[in-house]
């Protein structure tokens, strides 16, 4: 079986501060069980989460400074997909959800 790619229209901007970043990884229109999500921003943020059968992956994210947050998703027989989210100064939303599937 060849690895499949995933499609995405994720968030493009979040605010600084403590929050959850929820990402749903889909393949063929269905959520991909066991999908892994990693959020990374230099020396400030490194968070990972794995999707359960019932929920999307939620990474605890605490970017203290503005900049770029790299979010990478992968799963069994699924090609990795990476997106960059811009972190801006401001009050964080408690939970940021991807606008669509990765």
N, C-alpha and C. Protein backbone atom coordinates (compact mmCIF):
# COMPACT_ATOMS: atom_id res chain seq x y z
N UNK A 1 0.84 -1.17 0.00
CA UNK A 1 0.00 0.00 0.00
C UNK A 1 0.89 1.24 0.00
N UNK A 2 0.58 2.19 -0.85
CA UNK A 2 1.33 3.43 -0.92
C UNK A 2 0.81 4.40 0.14
N UNK A 3 1.70 5.16 0.76
CA UNK A 3 1.23 6.16 1.72
C UNK A 3 0.33 7.19 1.05
N UNK A 4 -0.69 7.60 1.75
CA UNK A 4 -1.62 8.60 1.24
C UNK A 4 -1.24 9.97 1.77
N UNK A 5 -1.66 10.99 1.08
CA UNK A 5 -1.44 12.34 1.58
C UNK A 5 -2.71 12.83 2.25
N UNK A 6 -2.56 13.83 3.09
CA UNK A 6 -3.71 14.41 3.76
C UNK A 6 -3.90 15.84 3.27
N UNK A 7 -5.13 16.32 3.33
CA UNK A 7 -5.44 17.67 2.89
C UNK A 7 -5.67 18.54 4.12
N UNK A 8 -5.38 19.83 3.99
CA UNK A 8 -5.57 20.69 5.15
C UNK A 8 -5.90 22.12 4.77
N UNK A 9 -6.62 22.76 5.64
CA UNK A 9 -6.85 24.19 5.66
C UNK A 9 -6.77 24.60 7.12
N UNK A 10 -5.59 24.58 7.71
CA UNK A 10 -5.46 24.77 9.15
C UNK A 10 -5.53 26.24 9.55
N UNK A 11 -5.46 26.44 10.85
CA UNK A 11 -5.32 27.79 11.39
C UNK A 11 -4.11 28.46 10.77
N UNK A 12 -4.15 29.75 10.69
CA UNK A 12 -2.99 30.47 10.19
C UNK A 12 -2.40 31.37 11.26
N UNK A 13 -3.18 31.73 12.30
CA UNK A 13 -2.70 32.63 13.35
C UNK A 13 -3.27 32.23 14.70
N UNK A 14 -2.43 32.29 15.75
CA UNK A 14 -2.86 32.14 17.14
C UNK A 14 -2.17 33.23 17.95
N UNK A 15 -2.65 33.44 19.18
CA UNK A 15 -2.05 34.43 20.07
C UNK A 15 -1.06 33.76 21.02
N UNK A 16 -0.19 34.55 21.63
CA UNK A 16 0.75 34.03 22.62
C UNK A 16 -0.01 33.58 23.86
N UNK A 17 0.61 32.70 24.66
CA UNK A 17 0.04 32.27 25.93
C UNK A 17 -0.42 30.82 25.94
N UNK A 18 -0.78 30.34 27.14
CA UNK A 18 -1.18 28.95 27.34
C UNK A 18 -2.50 28.65 26.65
N UNK A 19 -2.54 27.55 25.91
CA UNK A 19 -3.73 27.15 25.16
C UNK A 19 -3.58 25.73 24.64
N UNK A 20 -4.66 25.17 24.14
CA UNK A 20 -4.63 23.88 23.46
C UNK A 20 -4.76 24.12 21.97
N UNK A 21 -4.03 23.36 21.20
CA UNK A 21 -4.10 23.43 19.74
C UNK A 21 -4.65 22.09 19.28
N UNK A 22 -5.90 22.07 18.82
CA UNK A 22 -6.53 20.83 18.37
C UNK A 22 -6.43 20.71 16.86
N UNK A 23 -6.00 19.55 16.40
CA UNK A 23 -5.85 19.28 14.97
C UNK A 23 -6.51 17.95 14.66
N UNK A 24 -7.35 17.92 13.64
CA UNK A 24 -7.95 16.68 13.17
C UNK A 24 -7.28 16.28 11.87
N UNK A 25 -6.71 15.08 11.84
CA UNK A 25 -6.06 14.55 10.65
C UNK A 25 -7.05 13.63 9.95
N UNK A 26 -7.28 13.88 8.67
CA UNK A 26 -8.24 13.07 7.92
C UNK A 26 -7.56 12.46 6.71
N UNK A 27 -8.03 11.28 6.37
CA UNK A 27 -7.61 10.62 5.13
C UNK A 27 -8.85 10.02 4.51
N UNK A 28 -9.11 10.38 3.26
CA UNK A 28 -10.30 9.89 2.59
C UNK A 28 -11.58 10.39 3.23
N UNK A 29 -11.54 11.56 3.88
CA UNK A 29 -12.72 12.14 4.50
C UNK A 29 -13.00 11.69 5.91
N UNK A 30 -12.27 10.67 6.40
CA UNK A 30 -12.50 10.15 7.75
C UNK A 30 -11.32 10.49 8.65
N UNK A 31 -11.59 10.73 9.95
CA UNK A 31 -10.50 10.98 10.89
C UNK A 31 -9.53 9.79 10.92
N UNK A 32 -8.25 10.07 10.97
CA UNK A 32 -7.22 9.05 10.96
C UNK A 32 -6.85 8.67 12.39
N UNK A 33 -7.28 7.49 12.83
CA UNK A 33 -6.97 7.01 14.18
C UNK A 33 -5.47 6.85 14.35
N UNK A 34 -4.96 7.26 15.50
CA UNK A 34 -3.55 7.11 15.80
C UNK A 34 -2.65 8.17 15.18
N UNK A 35 -3.24 9.18 14.55
CA UNK A 35 -2.44 10.24 13.93
C UNK A 35 -1.65 10.99 15.00
N UNK A 36 -0.44 11.35 14.67
CA UNK A 36 0.44 12.07 15.60
C UNK A 36 0.55 13.52 15.14
N UNK A 37 0.50 14.45 16.11
CA UNK A 37 0.66 15.87 15.85
C UNK A 37 1.82 16.38 16.69
N UNK A 38 2.68 17.18 16.09
CA UNK A 38 3.80 17.78 16.80
C UNK A 38 3.81 19.28 16.54
N UNK A 39 3.89 20.08 17.61
CA UNK A 39 3.99 21.53 17.50
C UNK A 39 5.37 21.93 18.02
N UNK A 40 6.09 22.78 17.25
CA UNK A 40 7.46 23.16 17.61
C UNK A 40 7.69 24.61 17.29
N UNK A 41 8.30 25.33 18.26
CA UNK A 41 8.67 26.72 18.05
C UNK A 41 9.98 26.97 18.78
N UNK A 42 11.09 26.74 18.08
CA UNK A 42 12.42 26.99 18.63
C UNK A 42 12.62 26.37 20.00
N UNK A 43 13.13 27.16 20.95
CA UNK A 43 13.35 26.68 22.32
C UNK A 43 12.14 26.91 23.21
N UNK A 44 11.03 27.42 22.64
CA UNK A 44 9.87 27.77 23.45
C UNK A 44 8.82 26.67 23.57
N UNK A 45 8.54 25.98 22.47
CA UNK A 45 7.44 25.01 22.44
C UNK A 45 7.88 23.73 21.76
N UNK A 46 7.62 22.61 22.41
CA UNK A 46 7.71 21.29 21.77
C UNK A 46 6.62 20.45 22.42
N UNK A 47 5.57 20.17 21.67
CA UNK A 47 4.43 19.42 22.21
C UNK A 47 3.99 18.39 21.18
N UNK A 48 3.62 17.22 21.67
CA UNK A 48 3.11 16.17 20.78
C UNK A 48 1.79 15.63 21.33
N UNK A 49 1.00 15.09 20.44
CA UNK A 49 -0.26 14.44 20.84
C UNK A 49 -0.60 13.38 19.81
N UNK A 50 -1.29 12.35 20.27
CA UNK A 50 -1.74 11.28 19.37
C UNK A 50 -3.26 11.24 19.43
N UNK A 51 -3.88 11.13 18.25
CA UNK A 51 -5.33 11.10 18.17
C UNK A 51 -5.88 9.77 18.65
N UNK A 52 -6.92 9.85 19.47
CA UNK A 52 -7.63 8.64 19.89
C UNK A 52 -8.77 8.41 18.90
N UNK A 53 -9.46 7.30 19.05
CA UNK A 53 -10.56 6.98 18.15
C UNK A 53 -11.71 7.98 18.30
N UNK A 54 -11.84 8.61 19.48
CA UNK A 54 -12.96 9.49 19.75
C UNK A 54 -12.67 10.97 19.57
N UNK A 55 -11.41 11.38 19.56
CA UNK A 55 -11.12 12.82 19.61
C UNK A 55 -10.01 13.22 18.66
N UNK A 56 -9.93 14.51 18.42
CA UNK A 56 -8.83 15.04 17.64
C UNK A 56 -7.59 15.10 18.52
N UNK A 57 -6.44 15.34 17.93
CA UNK A 57 -5.20 15.48 18.68
C UNK A 57 -5.13 16.88 19.26
N UNK A 58 -4.82 17.00 20.54
CA UNK A 58 -4.72 18.31 21.18
C UNK A 58 -3.35 18.45 21.81
N UNK A 59 -2.57 19.39 21.31
CA UNK A 59 -1.26 19.70 21.86
C UNK A 59 -1.39 20.87 22.82
N UNK A 60 -0.76 20.76 23.96
CA UNK A 60 -0.70 21.89 24.90
C UNK A 60 0.39 22.81 24.38
N UNK A 61 0.02 24.04 24.06
CA UNK A 61 0.93 24.99 23.45
C UNK A 61 1.03 26.24 24.31
N UNK A 62 2.25 26.67 24.60
CA UNK A 62 2.45 27.87 25.40
C UNK A 62 3.52 28.74 24.73
N UNK A 63 3.22 29.33 23.57
CA UNK A 63 4.22 30.18 22.95
C UNK A 63 4.27 31.54 23.64
N UNK A 64 5.37 31.86 24.35
CA UNK A 64 5.44 33.13 25.08
C UNK A 64 5.75 34.33 24.19
N UNK A 65 6.31 34.11 23.03
CA UNK A 65 6.72 35.21 22.15
C UNK A 65 6.12 35.05 20.75
N UNK A 66 5.89 36.15 20.05
CA UNK A 66 5.44 36.07 18.67
C UNK A 66 6.48 35.37 17.80
N UNK A 67 6.05 34.81 16.69
CA UNK A 67 6.95 34.12 15.76
C UNK A 67 6.19 33.07 14.97
N UNK A 68 6.90 32.03 14.54
CA UNK A 68 6.30 30.97 13.74
C UNK A 68 6.30 29.66 14.50
N UNK A 69 5.15 28.99 14.53
CA UNK A 69 4.97 27.68 15.17
C UNK A 69 4.81 26.66 14.05
N UNK A 70 5.68 25.66 14.02
CA UNK A 70 5.60 24.61 13.00
C UNK A 70 4.77 23.46 13.55
N UNK A 71 3.74 23.05 12.82
CA UNK A 71 2.88 21.93 13.22
C UNK A 71 3.00 20.85 12.15
N UNK A 72 3.38 19.65 12.56
CA UNK A 72 3.54 18.52 11.64
C UNK A 72 2.61 17.40 12.06
N UNK A 73 1.94 16.78 11.09
CA UNK A 73 1.07 15.64 11.36
C UNK A 73 1.55 14.44 10.56
N UNK A 74 1.34 13.26 11.12
CA UNK A 74 1.67 12.02 10.43
C UNK A 74 0.80 10.91 10.99
N UNK A 75 0.76 9.81 10.28
CA UNK A 75 -0.01 8.67 10.72
C UNK A 75 0.39 7.44 9.92
N UNK A 76 -0.10 6.28 10.32
CA UNK A 76 0.23 5.03 9.65
C UNK A 76 -0.20 5.10 8.18
N UNK A 77 0.74 4.82 7.28
CA UNK A 77 0.49 4.88 5.83
C UNK A 77 0.02 6.25 5.38
N UNK A 78 0.43 7.29 6.07
CA UNK A 78 0.05 8.66 5.71
C UNK A 78 1.33 9.49 5.61
N UNK A 79 1.47 10.23 4.53
CA UNK A 79 2.64 11.09 4.37
C UNK A 79 2.58 12.23 5.38
N UNK A 80 3.72 12.64 5.94
CA UNK A 80 3.72 13.77 6.86
C UNK A 80 3.26 15.05 6.16
N UNK A 81 2.59 15.91 6.90
CA UNK A 81 2.17 17.21 6.40
C UNK A 81 2.57 18.25 7.43
N UNK A 82 3.19 19.34 7.00
CA UNK A 82 3.61 20.41 7.90
C UNK A 82 2.98 21.73 7.49
N UNK A 83 2.64 22.51 8.48
CA UNK A 83 2.08 23.84 8.28
C UNK A 83 2.72 24.79 9.28
N UNK A 84 2.80 26.04 8.91
CA UNK A 84 3.32 27.06 9.81
C UNK A 84 2.16 27.94 10.27
N UNK A 85 2.11 28.16 11.58
CA UNK A 85 1.10 29.03 12.18
C UNK A 85 1.82 30.24 12.75
N UNK A 86 1.33 31.42 12.46
CA UNK A 86 1.93 32.64 12.98
C UNK A 86 1.40 32.90 14.39
N UNK A 87 2.32 33.15 15.33
CA UNK A 87 1.97 33.47 16.71
C UNK A 87 2.10 34.98 16.87
N UNK A 88 0.99 35.62 17.29
CA UNK A 88 0.97 37.07 17.46
C UNK A 88 0.77 37.41 18.94
N UNK A 89 1.17 38.60 19.35
CA UNK A 89 0.95 39.04 20.73
C UNK A 89 -0.53 39.21 20.98
N UNK A 90 -0.97 38.83 22.18
CA UNK A 90 -2.37 39.00 22.53
C UNK A 90 -2.82 37.96 23.51
N UNK A 91 -4.06 38.07 23.94
CA UNK A 91 -4.64 37.11 24.88
C UNK A 91 -4.99 35.84 24.12
N UNK A 92 -4.56 34.66 24.64
CA UNK A 92 -4.84 33.41 23.94
C UNK A 92 -6.29 32.99 24.06
N UNK A 93 -6.75 32.29 23.03
CA UNK A 93 -8.02 31.59 23.08
C UNK A 93 -7.70 30.30 23.85
N UNK A 94 -8.59 29.78 24.63
CA UNK A 94 -8.29 28.58 25.42
C UNK A 94 -8.02 27.37 24.54
N UNK A 95 -8.76 27.25 23.45
CA UNK A 95 -8.57 26.13 22.53
C UNK A 95 -8.66 26.64 21.10
N UNK A 96 -7.64 26.33 20.30
CA UNK A 96 -7.64 26.65 18.88
C UNK A 96 -7.86 25.36 18.14
N UNK A 97 -8.79 25.37 17.20
CA UNK A 97 -9.08 24.17 16.42
C UNK A 97 -8.71 24.43 14.96
N UNK A 98 -8.20 23.41 14.31
CA UNK A 98 -7.92 23.56 12.90
C UNK A 98 -9.22 23.80 12.17
N UNK A 99 -9.17 24.61 11.11
CA UNK A 99 -10.37 24.95 10.37
C UNK A 99 -10.91 23.76 9.59
N UNK A 100 -10.04 22.85 9.25
CA UNK A 100 -10.45 21.64 8.52
C UNK A 100 -9.41 20.57 8.77
N UNK A 101 -9.53 19.49 8.08
CA UNK A 101 -8.64 18.35 8.30
C UNK A 101 -7.26 18.59 7.75
N UNK A 102 -6.27 17.98 8.35
CA UNK A 102 -4.89 18.02 7.87
C UNK A 102 -4.68 16.85 6.99
